[in-house]
Each structure stands twice: as structure tokens, then as C-alpha cells.
Amino acid sequence: MTLHLLMVSALLLACEVAPAQPSPAPMATATPNDAARGFYAVYLAWRNWGVPPAASGNPFTPVVSAGLGGDLAAANLAAERGAPGGVPPGWPGDLFTSLAEGAQRADVGACTRSGESARCDVTLTVRDPASGIDRRWHDTVLVRRERGSWVVDDVVYGGRWPGANSGTLRANLQALAAPPAPPPPPRPPLAPSR
């Protein structure tokens, strides 16, 4: 009986010292449009370069899928290991849009739903401070239903100008998180010529 009480006490003490942190629930969103709007509301409020801070400090956690959240966390760890300020080496700027300078406005258009997933067209805008002219482009947000809510699962970059981010947000995050390739083996010495 005493051993049982000691084990229960130790378990309770361990729970008080290191309580389990459940993963945050996604933001309640009833439609794919709501999910895309919520994602861009977070993006426009955060609007920073590089990868967001890890788990508990990541403002995107409630609005993204578990898969995208995992890719953000892995890229964050890689950025912390090898990049000052969390900006990956060689990364030109904003990770979340086609344009390295990022967007100042996001207008979510139509979402095409297919079962538990959807594609939403987003018009992004940034104003050139020198000319006052708006630059607009379209990215596509991939949304999925997860744990009863719609969340953003990926962004397909739509910019088609030189230097635009290409591919998808998740593919770029996964590339950032991948360990660097090992250097090639040394070449064998050349045989002496006769």
C-alpha cells in the first residue's frame, strides 16, 4: 500500500512539474473562406521575415493544419541552428507569399471545395513606397478540414516574375528543414602521366 501511495504521489508531482501541453485546437472556422481569411489576418498582423517562432510562440498554430504546423516547426529548428534571426541562409524574405517583400493586403476570393479540402484564390497587394503604385498577384491557398474546423494546409505561390518564390510554402519549408547535403568525397589523385 505504501509503495502504491509513493508511486501515485510521484506521478502527481511529475504532472505538476511538467504538465502536458496539448496541441492548440484550430481556430473554429465554418468555411474554407473563413480559414483563408483567418490565416491572412494572422499573416498581416505578424508580417515578418523568416520562420515564425516555435510551437507555443507561433501565431499561425491555430490557423494551420498539423502538417503545415509540423513543417513550420521543423524549419524553425533548422533556422535556429544555422541562421541569425531565424532567417534561413539564402532566403530572400517573406516565406508566406510569392513576393519577397511580402503583402500588405490579402483579399480572399472564391474557394473551390472538393470534399474535405478546398482551393482558395487570394489576391495579394503591396504598395511601392517610392511610386505609390500597387503591385498585385494571386496565390492559391489549400485548405482542409481537420478536427472539425477548416485550416490552411499549404500556399501555392502564383508569382511568375524573376526571383518570385516558386512551388509551395510547405515544399520550401521542407527544403529549409532538410539537413545540408554532405560534401562530395575527395577525388582520387590523378595517376602520373608517362
C-alpha atoms as a PDB file:
ATOM      1  CA  MET A   1       0.000   0.000   0.000  1.00  0.00           C
ATOM      2  CA  THR A   2       2.783   2.459   0.894  1.00  0.00           C
ATOM      3  CA  LEU A   3       4.614   1.756  -2.365  1.00  0.00           C
ATOM      4  CA  HIS A   4       1.389   2.424  -4.270  1.00  0.00           C
ATOM      5  CA  LEU A   5       0.942   5.786  -2.497  1.00  0.00           C
ATOM      6  CA  LEU A   6       4.548   6.740  -3.247  1.00  0.00           C
ATOM      7  CA  MET A   7       4.094   5.935  -6.937  1.00  0.00           C
ATOM      8  CA  VAL A   8       0.853   7.923  -7.150  1.00  0.00           C
ATOM      9  CA  SER A   9       2.462  10.868  -5.307  1.00  0.00           C
ATOM     10  CA  ALA A  10       5.470  10.789  -7.633  1.00  0.00           C
ATOM     11  CA  LEU A  11       3.192  10.724 -10.662  1.00  0.00           C
ATOM     12  CA  LEU A  12       1.137  13.663  -9.371  1.00  0.00           C
ATOM     13  CA  LEU A  13       4.297  15.622  -8.591  1.00  0.00           C
ATOM     14  CA  ALA A  14       5.640  14.947 -12.092  1.00  0.00           C
ATOM     15  CA  CYS A  15       2.384  16.223 -13.584  1.00  0.00           C
ATOM     16  CA  GLU A  16       2.644  19.431 -11.552  1.00  0.00           C
ATOM     17  CA  VAL A  17       6.277  19.983 -12.518  1.00  0.00           C
ATOM     18  CA  ALA A  18       5.853  19.238 -16.225  1.00  0.00           C
ATOM     19  CA  PRO A  19       2.198  19.416 -17.211  1.00  0.00           C
ATOM     20  CA  ALA A  20       1.338  18.001 -20.608  1.00  0.00           C
ATOM     21  CA  GLN A  21       0.811  20.678 -23.219  1.00  0.00           C
ATOM     22  CA  PRO A  22      -1.957  19.670 -25.593  1.00  0.00           C
ATOM     23  CA  SER A  23      -1.577  20.877 -29.130  1.00  0.00           C
ATOM     24  CA  PRO A  24      -3.641  24.022 -29.606  1.00  0.00           C
ATOM     25  CA  ALA A  25      -7.022  23.473 -31.155  1.00  0.00           C
ATOM     26  CA  PRO A  26      -7.501  25.001 -34.561  1.00  0.00           C
ATOM     27  CA  MET A  27      -9.372  28.276 -34.752  1.00  0.00           C
ATOM     28  CA  ALA A  28     -13.060  27.479 -35.258  1.00  0.00           C
ATOM     29  CA  THR A  29     -13.784  28.114 -38.919  1.00  0.00           C
ATOM     30  CA  ALA A  30     -17.034  27.135 -40.598  1.00  0.00           C
ATOM     31  CA  THR A  31     -15.930  27.555 -44.207  1.00  0.00           C
ATOM     32  CA  PRO A  32     -12.755  27.392 -46.303  1.00  0.00           C
ATOM     33  CA  ASN A  33     -13.082  31.172 -46.874  1.00  0.00           C
ATOM     34  CA  ASP A  34     -13.068  31.702 -43.085  1.00  0.00           C
ATOM     35  CA  ALA A  35      -9.887  29.626 -42.790  1.00  0.00           C
ATOM     36  CA  ALA A  36      -8.102  31.557 -45.548  1.00  0.00           C
ATOM     37  CA  ARG A  37      -9.197  34.909 -44.098  1.00  0.00           C
ATOM     38  CA  GLY A  38      -8.051  33.851 -40.615  1.00  0.00           C
ATOM     39  CA  PHE A  39      -4.663  32.761 -41.984  1.00  0.00           C
ATOM     40  CA  TYR A  40      -4.092  36.071 -43.753  1.00  0.00           C
ATOM     41  CA  ALA A  41      -5.288  38.053 -40.730  1.00  0.00           C
ATOM     42  CA  VAL A  42      -2.522  36.351 -38.732  1.00  0.00           C
ATOM     43  CA  TYR A  43      -0.028  36.852 -41.575  1.00  0.00           C
ATOM     44  CA  LEU A  44      -0.777  40.585 -41.918  1.00  0.00           C
ATOM     45  CA  ALA A  45      -0.582  41.114 -38.145  1.00  0.00           C
ATOM     46  CA  TRP A  46       2.697  39.153 -37.891  1.00  0.00           C
ATOM     47  CA  ARG A  47       4.285  40.194 -41.232  1.00  0.00           C
ATOM     48  CA  ASN A  48       7.851  39.272 -40.505  1.00  0.00           C
ATOM     49  CA  TRP A  49      10.741  37.665 -42.366  1.00  0.00           C
ATOM     50  CA  GLY A  50      11.820  34.114 -41.842  1.00  0.00           C
ATOM     51  CA  VAL A  51      10.142  31.299 -39.975  1.00  0.00           C
ATOM     52  CA  PRO A  52       7.736  32.012 -37.100  1.00  0.00           C
ATOM     53  CA  PRO A  53       8.864  31.089 -33.586  1.00  0.00           C
ATOM     54  CA  ALA A  54       8.474  27.510 -32.393  1.00  0.00           C
ATOM     55  CA  ALA A  55       5.236  25.896 -31.182  1.00  0.00           C
ATOM     56  CA  SER A  56       3.851  27.984 -28.305  1.00  0.00           C
ATOM     57  CA  GLY A  57       5.030  31.291 -29.787  1.00  0.00           C
ATOM     58  CA  ASN A  58       3.910  30.546 -33.341  1.00  0.00           C
ATOM     59  CA  PRO A  59       0.965  32.816 -34.158  1.00  0.00           C
ATOM     60  CA  PHE A  60      -0.003  30.575 -37.097  1.00  0.00           C
ATOM     61  CA  THR A  61      -0.641  27.443 -34.982  1.00  0.00           C
ATOM     62  CA  PRO A  62      -4.432  27.916 -34.613  1.00  0.00           C
ATOM     63  CA  VAL A  63      -4.967  28.576 -38.344  1.00  0.00           C
ATOM     64  CA  VAL A  64      -2.810  25.895 -39.991  1.00  0.00           C
ATOM     65  CA  SER A  65      -3.064  22.127 -40.373  1.00  0.00           C
ATOM     66  CA  ALA A  66      -0.998  19.747 -38.281  1.00  0.00           C
ATOM     67  CA  GLY A  67       1.140  19.036 -41.367  1.00  0.00           C
ATOM     68  CA  LEU A  68       1.902  22.689 -42.095  1.00  0.00           C
ATOM     69  CA  GLY A  69       2.449  23.294 -38.374  1.00  0.00           C
ATOM     70  CA  GLY A  70       4.995  20.457 -38.320  1.00  0.00           C
ATOM     71  CA  ASP A  71       6.782  21.858 -41.363  1.00  0.00           C
ATOM     72  CA  LEU A  72       6.908  25.321 -39.747  1.00  0.00           C
ATOM     73  CA  ALA A  73       8.339  23.819 -36.531  1.00  0.00           C
ATOM     74  CA  ALA A  74      10.987  21.801 -38.412  1.00  0.00           C
ATOM     75  CA  ALA A  75      12.024  24.832 -40.468  1.00  0.00           C
ATOM     76  CA  ASN A  76      12.163  26.897 -37.276  1.00  0.00           C
ATOM     77  CA  LEU A  77      14.585  24.426 -35.686  1.00  0.00           C
ATOM     78  CA  ALA A  78      16.747  24.451 -38.800  1.00  0.00           C
ATOM     79  CA  ALA A  79      16.711  28.261 -38.919  1.00  0.00           C
ATOM     80  CA  GLU A  80      17.686  28.491 -35.234  1.00  0.00           C
ATOM     81  CA  ARG A  81      20.608  26.130 -35.828  1.00  0.00           C
ATOM     82  CA  GLY A  82      22.032  27.942 -38.802  1.00  0.00           C
ATOM     83  CA  ALA A  83      20.632  31.392 -39.335  1.00  0.00           C
ATOM     84  CA  PRO A  84      20.856  34.615 -37.371  1.00  0.00           C
ATOM     85  CA  GLY A  85      17.416  35.992 -36.559  1.00  0.00           C
ATOM     86  CA  GLY A  86      15.659  32.840 -37.804  1.00  0.00           C
ATOM     87  CA  VAL A  87      16.014  33.826 -41.455  1.00  0.00           C
ATOM     88  CA  PRO A  88      17.322  30.854 -43.393  1.00  0.00           C
ATOM     89  CA  PRO A  89      20.589  31.436 -45.236  1.00  0.00           C
ATOM     90  CA  GLY A  90      19.943  32.484 -48.801  1.00  0.00           C
ATOM     91  CA  TRP A  91      16.224  33.016 -48.241  1.00  0.00           C
ATOM     92  CA  PRO A  92      15.171  36.259 -49.890  1.00  0.00           C
ATOM     93  CA  GLY A  93      12.487  37.397 -47.448  1.00  0.00           C
ATOM     94  CA  ASP A  94       8.828  36.572 -46.906  1.00  0.00           C
ATOM     95  CA  LEU A  95       8.063  32.846 -46.853  1.00  0.00           C
ATOM     96  CA  PHE A  96       4.266  33.111 -46.989  1.00  0.00           C
ATOM     97  CA  THR A  97       3.755  34.854 -50.345  1.00  0.00           C
ATOM     98  CA  SER A  98       5.257  34.892 -53.835  1.00  0.00           C
ATOM     99  CA  LEU A  99       6.858  38.285 -53.281  1.00  0.00           C
ATOM    100  CA  ALA A 100       9.992  38.532 -51.137  1.00  0.00           C
ATOM    101  CA  GLU A 101       8.765  41.874 -49.753  1.00  0.00           C
ATOM    102  CA  GLY A 102       5.515  40.251 -48.650  1.00  0.00           C
ATOM    103  CA  ALA A 103       1.995  41.607 -48.911  1.00  0.00           C
ATOM    104  CA  GLN A 104       0.235  44.475 -47.176  1.00  0.00           C
ATOM    105  CA  ARG A 105      -3.246  43.318 -48.126  1.00  0.00           C
ATOM    106  CA  ALA A 106      -4.883  39.964 -48.838  1.00  0.00           C
ATOM    107  CA  ASP A 107      -8.308  39.588 -50.416  1.00  0.00           C
ATOM    108  CA  VAL A 108      -9.643  36.042 -50.320  1.00  0.00           C
ATOM    109  CA  GLY A 109     -11.707  35.275 -53.399  1.00  0.00           C
ATOM    110  CA  ALA A 110     -13.647  32.188 -54.363  1.00  0.00           C
ATOM    111  CA  CYS A 111     -12.900  28.830 -52.798  1.00  0.00           C
ATOM    112  CA  THR A 112     -13.499  25.664 -54.787  1.00  0.00           C
ATOM    113  CA  ARG A 113     -14.430  22.866 -52.424  1.00  0.00           C
ATOM    114  CA  SER A 114     -13.877  19.167 -53.056  1.00  0.00           C
ATOM    115  CA  GLY A 115     -14.990  17.053 -50.095  1.00  0.00           C
ATOM    116  CA  GLU A 116     -12.806  17.825 -47.082  1.00  0.00           C
ATOM    117  CA  SER A 117     -10.422  20.117 -48.995  1.00  0.00           C
ATOM    118  CA  ALA A 118     -10.626  23.370 -50.931  1.00  0.00           C
ATOM    119  CA  ARG A 119      -8.548  25.742 -53.059  1.00  0.00           C
ATOM    120  CA  CYS A 120      -8.961  29.465 -52.414  1.00  0.00           C
ATOM    121  CA  ASP A 121      -7.764  32.216 -54.738  1.00  0.00           C
ATOM    122  CA  VAL A 122      -6.130  35.112 -52.909  1.00  0.00           C
ATOM    123  CA  THR A 123      -5.251  38.494 -54.400  1.00  0.00           C
ATOM    124  CA  LEU A 124      -2.262  39.940 -52.586  1.00  0.00           C
ATOM    125  CA  THR A 125      -1.195  43.563 -52.770  1.00  0.00           C
ATOM    126  CA  VAL A 126       1.835  45.600 -51.765  1.00  0.00           C
ATOM    127  CA  ARG A 127       2.299  49.309 -52.389  1.00  0.00           C
ATOM    128  CA  ASP A 128       5.636  50.507 -53.737  1.00  0.00           C
ATOM    129  CA  PRO A 129       6.630  53.267 -51.304  1.00  0.00           C
ATOM    130  CA  ALA A 130       8.579  55.197 -53.946  1.00  0.00           C
ATOM    131  CA  SER A 131       5.963  55.246 -56.708  1.00  0.00           C
ATOM    132  CA  GLY A 132       2.785  54.705 -54.694  1.00  0.00           C
ATOM    133  CA  ILE A 133       1.754  52.066 -57.232  1.00  0.00           C
ATOM    134  CA  ASP A 134       0.129  48.851 -56.020  1.00  0.00           C
ATOM    135  CA  ARG A 135       1.613  45.561 -57.140  1.00  0.00           C
ATOM    136  CA  ARG A 136      -0.925  42.702 -57.206  1.00  0.00           C
ATOM    137  CA  TRP A 137      -0.588  38.968 -57.705  1.00  0.00           C
ATOM    138  CA  HIS A 138      -2.510  35.791 -56.985  1.00  0.00           C
ATOM    139  CA  ASP A 139      -1.504  32.916 -54.734  1.00  0.00           C
ATOM    140  CA  THR A 140      -3.670  29.892 -54.004  1.00  0.00           C
ATOM    141  CA  VAL A 141      -4.370  28.653 -50.501  1.00  0.00           C
ATOM    142  CA  LEU A 142      -5.017  24.940 -49.977  1.00  0.00           C
ATOM    143  CA  VAL A 143      -7.444  24.402 -47.118  1.00  0.00           C
ATOM    144  CA  ARG A 144      -8.550  21.194 -45.430  1.00  0.00           C
ATOM    145  CA  ARG A 145     -10.974  20.136 -42.756  1.00  0.00           C
ATOM    146  CA  GLU A 146      -9.139  18.933 -39.670  1.00  0.00           C
ATOM    147  CA  ARG A 147     -10.523  18.209 -36.198  1.00  0.00           C
ATOM    148  CA  GLY A 148     -13.857  19.755 -37.140  1.00  0.00           C
ATOM    149  CA  SER A 149     -12.500  23.073 -38.481  1.00  0.00           C
ATOM    150  CA  TRP A 150     -11.126  24.338 -41.749  1.00  0.00           C
ATOM    151  CA  VAL A 151      -7.394  25.146 -41.617  1.00  0.00           C
ATOM    152  CA  VAL A 152      -4.763  26.199 -44.149  1.00  0.00           C
ATOM    153  CA  ASP A 153      -2.600  23.287 -45.307  1.00  0.00           C
ATOM    154  CA  ASP A 154      -0.389  24.980 -47.916  1.00  0.00           C
ATOM    155  CA  VAL A 155       0.132  28.027 -50.130  1.00  0.00           C
ATOM    156  CA  VAL A 156       0.807  27.636 -53.847  1.00  0.00           C
ATOM    157  CA  TYR A 157       2.877  30.600 -54.988  1.00  0.00           C
ATOM    158  CA  GLY A 158       1.397  32.231 -58.083  1.00  0.00           C
ATOM    159  CA  GLY A 159       4.031  34.865 -58.830  1.00  0.00           C
ATOM    160  CA  ARG A 160       5.634  34.430 -62.255  1.00  0.00           C
ATOM    161  CA  TRP A 161       8.314  37.115 -62.236  1.00  0.00           C
ATOM    162  CA  PRO A 162      12.082  36.607 -61.878  1.00  0.00           C
ATOM    163  CA  GLY A 163      13.003  35.991 -58.249  1.00  0.00           C
ATOM    164  CA  ALA A 164       9.472  35.092 -57.128  1.00  0.00           C
ATOM    165  CA  ASN A 165       9.072  32.331 -54.570  1.00  0.00           C
ATOM    166  CA  SER A 166       8.147  29.220 -56.528  1.00  0.00           C
ATOM    167  CA  GLY A 167       6.418  25.950 -55.746  1.00  0.00           C
ATOM    168  CA  THR A 168       4.615  25.792 -52.422  1.00  0.00           C
ATOM    169  CA  LEU A 169       5.142  27.044 -48.892  1.00  0.00           C
ATOM    170  CA  ARG A 170       5.375  23.500 -47.496  1.00  0.00           C
ATOM    171  CA  ALA A 171       7.900  22.338 -50.119  1.00  0.00           C
ATOM    172  CA  ASN A 172      10.078  25.373 -49.340  1.00  0.00           C
ATOM    173  CA  LEU A 173       9.773  24.807 -45.578  1.00  0.00           C
ATOM    174  CA  GLN A 174      10.712  21.138 -46.033  1.00  0.00           C
ATOM    175  CA  ALA A 175      13.730  22.145 -48.135  1.00  0.00           C
ATOM    176  CA  LEU A 176      14.804  24.592 -45.408  1.00  0.00           C
ATOM    177  CA  ALA A 177      14.468  21.907 -42.741  1.00  0.00           C
ATOM    178  CA  ALA A 178      16.385  19.260 -44.695  1.00  0.00           C
ATOM    179  CA  PRO A 179      19.906  18.706 -43.435  1.00  0.00           C
ATOM    180  CA  PRO A 180      22.554  20.053 -45.767  1.00  0.00           C
ATOM    181  CA  ALA A 181      23.939  17.566 -48.228  1.00  0.00           C
ATOM    182  CA  PRO A 182      27.316  16.160 -47.228  1.00  0.00           C
ATOM    183  CA  PRO A 183      30.264  17.383 -49.253  1.00  0.00           C
ATOM    184  CA  PRO A 184      31.278  15.142 -52.134  1.00  0.00           C
ATOM    185  CA  PRO A 185      34.053  12.657 -51.397  1.00  0.00           C
ATOM    186  CA  PRO A 186      37.537  13.804 -52.319  1.00  0.00           C
ATOM    187  CA  ARG A 187      38.657  12.914 -55.807  1.00  0.00           C
ATOM    188  CA  PRO A 188      41.303  10.233 -56.067  1.00  0.00           C
ATOM    189  CA  PRO A 189      44.710  11.556 -57.058  1.00  0.00           C
ATOM    190  CA  LEU A 190      45.450  11.586 -60.741  1.00  0.00           C
ATOM    191  CA  ALA A 191      47.737   8.867 -61.964  1.00  0.00           C
ATOM    192  CA  PRO A 192      51.112  10.159 -63.076  1.00  0.00           C
ATOM    193  CA  SER A 193      51.340  10.537 -66.814  1.00  0.00           C
ATOM    194  CA  ARG A 194      54.094   8.759 -68.693  1.00  0.00           C
END
